[in-house]
Amino acid sequence: VKVGLGKQLLQKWFLMKLKNNSGTA
């Protein structure tokens, strides 16, 4: 369960980072 939660958090963080990069670019 912990691993799955971490994966979900990482995915959310990656998506946010991607959105920020595309927004500032």
PDB file of N, CA and C in Angstrom:
ATOM      1  N   VAL A   1       0.845  -1.203   0.000  1.00  0.00           N
ATOM      2  CA  VAL A   1       0.000   0.000   0.000  1.00  0.00           C
ATOM      3  C   VAL A   1       0.875   1.246   0.000  1.00  0.00           C
ATOM      4  N   LYS A   2       1.939   1.216   0.789  1.00  0.00           N
ATOM      5  CA  LYS A   2       2.830   2.373   0.878  1.00  0.00           C
ATOM      6  C   LYS A   2       3.482   2.665  -0.472  1.00  0.00           C
ATOM      7  N   VAL A   3       3.899   1.596  -1.146  1.00  0.00           N
ATOM      8  CA  VAL A   3       4.554   1.765  -2.445  1.00  0.00           C
ATOM      9  C   VAL A   3       3.584   2.366  -3.454  1.00  0.00           C
ATOM     10  N   GLY A   4       2.344   1.865  -3.438  1.00  0.00           N
ATOM     11  CA  GLY A   4       1.330   2.374  -4.366  1.00  0.00           C
ATOM     12  C   GLY A   4       1.059   3.847  -4.111  1.00  0.00           C
ATOM     13  N   LEU A   5       0.999   4.213  -2.829  1.00  0.00           N
ATOM     14  CA  LEU A   5       0.732   5.603  -2.464  1.00  0.00           C
ATOM     15  C   LEU A   5       1.867   6.494  -2.944  1.00  0.00           C
ATOM     16  N   GLY A   6       3.100   6.016  -2.765  1.00  0.00           N
ATOM     17  CA  GLY A   6       4.263   6.785  -3.201  1.00  0.00           C
ATOM     18  C   GLY A   6       4.255   6.972  -4.706  1.00  0.00           C
ATOM     19  N   LYS A   7       3.850   5.933  -5.417  1.00  0.00           N
ATOM     20  CA  LYS A   7       3.791   5.994  -6.881  1.00  0.00           C
ATOM     21  C   LYS A   7       2.778   7.042  -7.315  1.00  0.00           C
ATOM     22  N   GLN A   8       1.637   7.067  -6.626  1.00  0.00           N
ATOM     23  CA  GLN A   8       0.575   8.015  -6.956  1.00  0.00           C
ATOM     24  C   GLN A   8       1.061   9.437  -6.698  1.00  0.00           C
ATOM     25  N   LEU A   9       1.755   9.625  -5.575  1.00  0.00           N
ATOM     26  CA  LEU A   9       2.273  10.948  -5.223  1.00  0.00           C
ATOM     27  C   LEU A   9       3.289  11.399  -6.255  1.00  0.00           C
ATOM     28  N   LEU A  10       4.167  10.475  -6.658  1.00  0.00           N
ATOM     29  CA  LEU A  10       5.205  10.796  -7.634  1.00  0.00           C
ATOM     30  C   LEU A  10       4.575  11.187  -8.960  1.00  0.00           C
ATOM     31  N   GLN A  11       3.538  10.449  -9.356  1.00  0.00           N
ATOM     32  CA  GLN A  11       2.845  10.730 -10.622  1.00  0.00           C
ATOM     33  C   GLN A  11       2.208  12.118 -10.572  1.00  0.00           C
ATOM     34  N   LYS A  12       1.586  12.440  -9.428  1.00  0.00           N
ATOM     35  CA  LYS A  12       0.921  13.735  -9.277  1.00  0.00           C
ATOM     36  C   LYS A  12       1.959  14.855  -9.330  1.00  0.00           C
ATOM     37  N   TRP A  13       3.094  14.629  -8.650  1.00  0.00           N
ATOM     38  CA  TRP A  13       4.158  15.625  -8.619  1.00  0.00           C
ATOM     39  C   TRP A  13       4.735  15.822 -10.019  1.00  0.00           C
ATOM     40  N   PHE A  14       4.894  14.717 -10.757  1.00  0.00           N
ATOM     41  CA  PHE A  14       5.442  14.773 -12.110  1.00  0.00           C
ATOM     42  C   PHE A  14       4.514  15.553 -13.032  1.00  0.00           C
ATOM     43  N   LEU A  15       3.213  15.304 -12.888  1.00  0.00           N
ATOM     44  CA  LEU A  15       2.218  15.995 -13.716  1.00  0.00           C
ATOM     45  C   LEU A  15       2.224  17.487 -13.410  1.00  0.00           C
ATOM     46  N   MET A  16       2.334  17.822 -12.121  1.00  0.00           N
ATOM     47  CA  MET A  16       2.353  19.226 -11.711  1.00  0.00           C
ATOM     48  C   MET A  16       3.594  19.917 -12.258  1.00  0.00           C
ATOM     49  N   LYS A  17       4.731  19.208 -12.170  1.00  0.00           N
ATOM     50  CA  LYS A  17       5.996  19.748 -12.662  1.00  0.00           C
ATOM     51  C   LYS A  17       5.913  19.963 -14.171  1.00  0.00           C
ATOM     52  N   LEU A  18       5.320  18.994 -14.867  1.00  0.00           N
ATOM     53  CA  LEU A  18       5.186  19.071 -16.323  1.00  0.00           C
ATOM     54  C   LEU A  18       4.304  20.263 -16.694  1.00  0.00           C
ATOM     55  N   LYS A  19       3.218  20.443 -15.937  1.00  0.00           N
ATOM     56  CA  LYS A  19       2.285  21.538 -16.204  1.00  0.00           C
ATOM     57  C   LYS A  19       2.980  22.880 -15.966  1.00  0.00           C
ATOM     58  N   ASN A  20       3.772  22.951 -14.894  1.00  0.00           N
ATOM     59  CA  ASN A  20       4.488  24.183 -14.571  1.00  0.00           C
ATOM     60  C   ASN A  20       5.502  24.518 -15.660  1.00  0.00           C
ATOM     61  N   ASN A  21       6.219  23.491 -16.121  1.00  0.00           N
ATOM     62  CA  ASN A  21       7.233  23.689 -17.159  1.00  0.00           C
ATOM     63  C   ASN A  21       6.605  24.203 -18.445  1.00  0.00           C
ATOM     64  N   SER A  22       5.490  23.596 -18.826  1.00  0.00           N
ATOM     65  CA  SER A  22       4.817  23.993 -20.067  1.00  0.00           C
ATOM     66  C   SER A  22       4.207  25.379 -19.906  1.00  0.00           C
ATOM     67  N   GLY A  23       3.816  25.730 -18.688  1.00  0.00           N
ATOM     68  CA  GLY A  23       3.192  27.025 -18.443  1.00  0.00           C
ATOM     69  C   GLY A  23       4.210  28.149 -18.487  1.00  0.00           C
ATOM     70  N   THR A  24       5.422  27.889 -17.940  1.00  0.00           N
ATOM     71  CA  THR A  24       6.449  28.927 -17.896  1.00  0.00           C
ATOM     72  C   THR A  24       7.193  29.018 -19.215  1.00  0.00           C
ATOM     73  N   ALA A  25       7.249  27.911 -19.951  1.00  0.00           N
ATOM     74  CA  ALA A  25       8.004  27.883 -21.208  1.00  0.00           C
ATOM     75  C   ALA A  25       7.365  28.783 -22.255  1.00  0.00           C
TER      76      ALA A  25
END
